[in-house]
Amino acid sequence: MTGLCRHTGKPIDNLKSALQGVEVIFTTRLFSRIMLRHFGAGVLEIIGKKLTVKLLPVFMQLVAVAIDRWEPRFKVRKVTPSASPEELRKGQLTLQIDADYRPKAHLSPPDYTLERRISFVLDMGQGGVKARL
């Protein structure tokens, strides 16, 4: 056990805890936390704007930088959009994220030893943000 599920209160393992950390990053608006003003991803500020060919790479870069900055257990290697044009029109964006999983990188002192490479999905839409394997 590493932590508690923020939805059920039940114990969860380290990987699920890291995935929930990603969800928190993307559901927090910049400057909304008093003691950690720059926490978040900045993607909520883009949501609602027309997603153009020029804006999608910026959005994906924000995703990668936010995960690298705020969730040390993941080191992002690649972000790939996997939503259809129809899903994008409905406000649904699905991203495939390939990352290195470093389970002890959040400890003090950090241990950046790579355990394995993983791929997880980040669903963003009207139902909120969900990170899943």
C-alpha atoms as a PDB file:
ATOM      1  CA  MET A   1       0.000   0.000   0.000  1.00  0.00           C
ATOM      2  CA  THR A   2       1.191   3.493  -0.826  1.00  0.00           C
ATOM      3  CA  GLY A   3      -1.835   5.661  -0.322  1.00  0.00           C
ATOM      4  CA  LEU A   4      -5.586   5.906  -0.212  1.00  0.00           C
ATOM      5  CA  CYS A   5      -7.953   6.139  -3.146  1.00  0.00           C
ATOM      6  CA  ARG A   6      -9.388   9.651  -3.304  1.00  0.00           C
ATOM      7  CA  HIS A   7     -12.752   8.251  -4.456  1.00  0.00           C
ATOM      8  CA  THR A   8     -13.264   5.245  -2.159  1.00  0.00           C
ATOM      9  CA  GLY A   9     -10.828   5.749   0.728  1.00  0.00           C
ATOM     10  CA  LYS A  10      -9.447   2.237   0.220  1.00  0.00           C
ATOM     11  CA  PRO A  11      -5.708   1.450   0.087  1.00  0.00           C
ATOM     12  CA  ILE A  12      -4.088   1.591  -3.372  1.00  0.00           C
ATOM     13  CA  ASP A  13      -0.685   0.715  -4.749  1.00  0.00           C
ATOM     14  CA  ASN A  14       2.009   3.178  -5.826  1.00  0.00           C
ATOM     15  CA  LEU A  15       1.148   3.131  -9.543  1.00  0.00           C
ATOM     16  CA  LYS A  16      -2.545   3.855  -8.935  1.00  0.00           C
ATOM     17  CA  SER A  17      -1.523   6.624  -6.542  1.00  0.00           C
ATOM     18  CA  ALA A  18       0.647   8.178  -9.252  1.00  0.00           C
ATOM     19  CA  LEU A  19      -2.232   7.970 -11.754  1.00  0.00           C
ATOM     20  CA  GLN A  20      -4.515   9.719  -9.274  1.00  0.00           C
ATOM     21  CA  GLY A  21      -1.813  12.361  -8.866  1.00  0.00           C
ATOM     22  CA  VAL A  22      -2.006  12.974 -12.622  1.00  0.00           C
ATOM     23  CA  GLU A  23      -5.776  13.391 -12.353  1.00  0.00           C
ATOM     24  CA  VAL A  24      -5.328  15.985  -9.598  1.00  0.00           C
ATOM     25  CA  ILE A  25      -2.796  17.905 -11.683  1.00  0.00           C
ATOM     26  CA  PHE A  26      -5.244  18.225 -14.577  1.00  0.00           C
ATOM     27  CA  THR A  27      -8.275  19.130 -12.460  1.00  0.00           C
ATOM     28  CA  THR A  28      -6.515  21.947 -10.589  1.00  0.00           C
ATOM     29  CA  ARG A  29      -6.577  25.454 -12.034  1.00  0.00           C
ATOM     30  CA  LEU A  30      -3.337  27.405 -11.992  1.00  0.00           C
ATOM     31  CA  PHE A  31      -3.058  29.817  -9.042  1.00  0.00           C
ATOM     32  CA  SER A  32      -5.968  28.168  -7.209  1.00  0.00           C
ATOM     33  CA  ARG A  33      -3.846  26.718  -4.391  1.00  0.00           C
ATOM     34  CA  ILE A  34      -2.721  29.122  -1.721  1.00  0.00           C
ATOM     35  CA  MET A  35       0.564  27.456  -0.750  1.00  0.00           C
ATOM     36  CA  LEU A  36       1.444  26.070  -4.183  1.00  0.00           C
ATOM     37  CA  ARG A  37       0.308  28.751  -6.617  1.00  0.00           C
ATOM     38  CA  HIS A  38       1.850  27.258  -9.781  1.00  0.00           C
ATOM     39  CA  PHE A  39       0.465  23.755  -9.225  1.00  0.00           C
ATOM     40  CA  GLY A  40      -1.629  22.462 -12.133  1.00  0.00           C
ATOM     41  CA  ALA A  41      -1.269  22.055 -15.851  1.00  0.00           C
ATOM     42  CA  GLY A  42      -2.806  25.110 -17.457  1.00  0.00           C
ATOM     43  CA  VAL A  43      -5.010  22.976 -19.677  1.00  0.00           C
ATOM     44  CA  LEU A  44      -8.243  24.046 -17.973  1.00  0.00           C
ATOM     45  CA  GLU A  45      -7.532  27.537 -19.222  1.00  0.00           C
ATOM     46  CA  ILE A  46      -7.416  26.228 -22.812  1.00  0.00           C
ATOM     47  CA  ILE A  47     -10.548  24.082 -22.586  1.00  0.00           C
ATOM     48  CA  GLY A  48     -13.441  25.696 -24.394  1.00  0.00           C
ATOM     49  CA  LYS A  49     -11.253  27.271 -27.036  1.00  0.00           C
ATOM     50  CA  LYS A  50     -11.408  25.939 -30.550  1.00  0.00           C
ATOM     51  CA  LEU A  51      -8.893  23.115 -30.808  1.00  0.00           C
ATOM     52  CA  THR A  52      -6.979  23.892 -33.977  1.00  0.00           C
ATOM     53  CA  VAL A  53      -4.072  22.170 -35.643  1.00  0.00           C
ATOM     54  CA  LYS A  54      -1.790  24.794 -34.081  1.00  0.00           C
ATOM     55  CA  LEU A  55      -3.285  24.498 -30.589  1.00  0.00           C
ATOM     56  CA  LEU A  56      -3.151  20.687 -30.263  1.00  0.00           C
ATOM     57  CA  PRO A  57       0.690  20.473 -30.061  1.00  0.00           C
ATOM     58  CA  VAL A  58       0.669  23.246 -27.433  1.00  0.00           C
ATOM     59  CA  PHE A  59      -1.929  21.316 -25.459  1.00  0.00           C
ATOM     60  CA  MET A  60       0.108  18.098 -25.647  1.00  0.00           C
ATOM     61  CA  GLN A  61       3.247  19.966 -24.560  1.00  0.00           C
ATOM     62  CA  LEU A  62       1.384  21.371 -21.535  1.00  0.00           C
ATOM     63  CA  VAL A  63       0.349  17.838 -20.614  1.00  0.00           C
ATOM     64  CA  ALA A  64       3.905  16.494 -20.826  1.00  0.00           C
ATOM     65  CA  VAL A  65       5.458  19.395 -18.908  1.00  0.00           C
ATOM     66  CA  ALA A  66       2.832  19.261 -16.151  1.00  0.00           C
ATOM     67  CA  ILE A  67       3.316  15.543 -15.563  1.00  0.00           C
ATOM     68  CA  ASP A  68       7.110  15.883 -15.575  1.00  0.00           C
ATOM     69  CA  ARG A  69       6.967  18.800 -13.164  1.00  0.00           C
ATOM     70  CA  TRP A  70       4.353  17.665 -10.650  1.00  0.00           C
ATOM     71  CA  GLU A  71       4.402  13.860 -10.718  1.00  0.00           C
ATOM     72  CA  PRO A  72       8.034  12.739 -10.321  1.00  0.00           C
ATOM     73  CA  ARG A  73       7.112   9.044 -10.539  1.00  0.00           C
ATOM     74  CA  PHE A  74       6.526   9.537 -14.275  1.00  0.00           C
ATOM     75  CA  LYS A  75       8.958  10.805 -16.890  1.00  0.00           C
ATOM     76  CA  VAL A  76       6.975  11.422 -20.068  1.00  0.00           C
ATOM     77  CA  ARG A  77       8.436  10.074 -23.294  1.00  0.00           C
ATOM     78  CA  LYS A  78       5.569  10.653 -25.721  1.00  0.00           C
ATOM     79  CA  VAL A  79       2.044  12.100 -25.810  1.00  0.00           C
ATOM     80  CA  THR A  80      -0.220  10.941 -28.620  1.00  0.00           C
ATOM     81  CA  PRO A  81      -3.789  12.100 -29.200  1.00  0.00           C
ATOM     82  CA  SER A  82      -6.136   9.217 -29.908  1.00  0.00           C
ATOM     83  CA  ALA A  83      -9.504  10.927 -30.189  1.00  0.00           C
ATOM     84  CA  SER A  84     -11.524  11.004 -33.359  1.00  0.00           C
ATOM     85  CA  PRO A  85     -12.573  14.347 -34.879  1.00  0.00           C
ATOM     86  CA  GLU A  86     -16.139  13.667 -33.725  1.00  0.00           C
ATOM     87  CA  GLU A  87     -14.983  13.135 -30.131  1.00  0.00           C
ATOM     88  CA  LEU A  88     -12.987  16.370 -30.285  1.00  0.00           C
ATOM     89  CA  ARG A  89     -16.081  18.248 -31.465  1.00  0.00           C
ATOM     90  CA  LYS A  90     -17.968  16.890 -28.459  1.00  0.00           C
ATOM     91  CA  GLY A  91     -15.241  18.086 -26.100  1.00  0.00           C
ATOM     92  CA  GLN A  92     -13.673  14.679 -25.504  1.00  0.00           C
ATOM     93  CA  LEU A  93      -9.917  14.337 -25.771  1.00  0.00           C
ATOM     94  CA  THR A  94      -8.075  11.087 -25.204  1.00  0.00           C
ATOM     95  CA  LEU A  95      -4.298  11.093 -24.914  1.00  0.00           C
ATOM     96  CA  GLN A  96      -2.008   8.072 -24.912  1.00  0.00           C
ATOM     97  CA  ILE A  97       0.974   8.809 -22.666  1.00  0.00           C
ATOM     98  CA  ASP A  98       4.145   6.732 -22.777  1.00  0.00           C
ATOM     99  CA  ALA A  99       6.282   7.266 -19.700  1.00  0.00           C
ATOM    100  CA  ASP A 100       9.037   5.850 -17.545  1.00  0.00           C
ATOM    101  CA  TYR A 101       7.701   4.696 -14.179  1.00  0.00           C
ATOM    102  CA  ARG A 102      10.052   5.495 -11.280  1.00  0.00           C
ATOM    103  CA  PRO A 103       8.209   4.357  -8.122  1.00  0.00           C
ATOM    104  CA  LYS A 104      10.578   5.946  -5.593  1.00  0.00           C
ATOM    105  CA  ALA A 105      11.099   9.319  -7.271  1.00  0.00           C
ATOM    106  CA  HIS A 106       8.664  11.083  -4.909  1.00  0.00           C
ATOM    107  CA  LEU A 107      10.570  10.068  -1.762  1.00  0.00           C
ATOM    108  CA  SER A 108      13.249  12.052   0.014  1.00  0.00           C
ATOM    109  CA  PRO A 109      15.952  11.623  -1.170  1.00  0.00           C
ATOM    110  CA  PRO A 110      14.506  10.793  -4.586  1.00  0.00           C
ATOM    111  CA  ASP A 111      15.475   7.567  -6.299  1.00  0.00           C
ATOM    112  CA  TYR A 112      15.036   7.979 -10.065  1.00  0.00           C
ATOM    113  CA  THR A 113      15.646   4.318 -10.845  1.00  0.00           C
ATOM    114  CA  LEU A 114      13.481   3.169 -13.720  1.00  0.00           C
ATOM    115  CA  GLU A 115      11.260   0.218 -12.839  1.00  0.00           C
ATOM    116  CA  ARG A 116       9.558  -0.102 -16.218  1.00  0.00           C
ATOM    117  CA  ARG A 117       8.059   1.802 -19.096  1.00  0.00           C
ATOM    118  CA  ILE A 118       4.317   2.126 -19.041  1.00  0.00           C
ATOM    119  CA  SER A 119       1.604   3.466 -21.258  1.00  0.00           C
ATOM    120  CA  PHE A 120      -1.537   5.011 -19.815  1.00  0.00           C
ATOM    121  CA  VAL A 121      -4.564   6.833 -21.154  1.00  0.00           C
ATOM    122  CA  LEU A 122      -5.689  10.274 -20.059  1.00  0.00           C
ATOM    123  CA  ASP A 123      -9.372  10.868 -20.837  1.00  0.00           C
ATOM    124  CA  MET A 124     -10.414  14.517 -20.717  1.00  0.00           C
ATOM    125  CA  GLY A 125     -13.974  15.547 -21.277  1.00  0.00           C
ATOM    126  CA  GLN A 126     -17.252  16.529 -19.732  1.00  0.00           C
ATOM    127  CA  GLY A 127     -17.009  13.720 -17.190  1.00  0.00           C
ATOM    128  CA  GLY A 128     -13.748  15.143 -15.814  1.00  0.00           C
ATOM    129  CA  VAL A 129     -10.250  13.753 -16.123  1.00  0.00           C
ATOM    130  CA  LYS A 130      -9.480  10.060 -15.767  1.00  0.00           C
ATOM    131  CA  ALA A 131      -6.081   8.385 -15.944  1.00  0.00           C
ATOM    132  CA  ARG A 132      -6.112   4.631 -16.544  1.00  0.00           C
ATOM    133  CA  LEU A 133      -3.741   1.899 -17.659  1.00  0.00           C
END
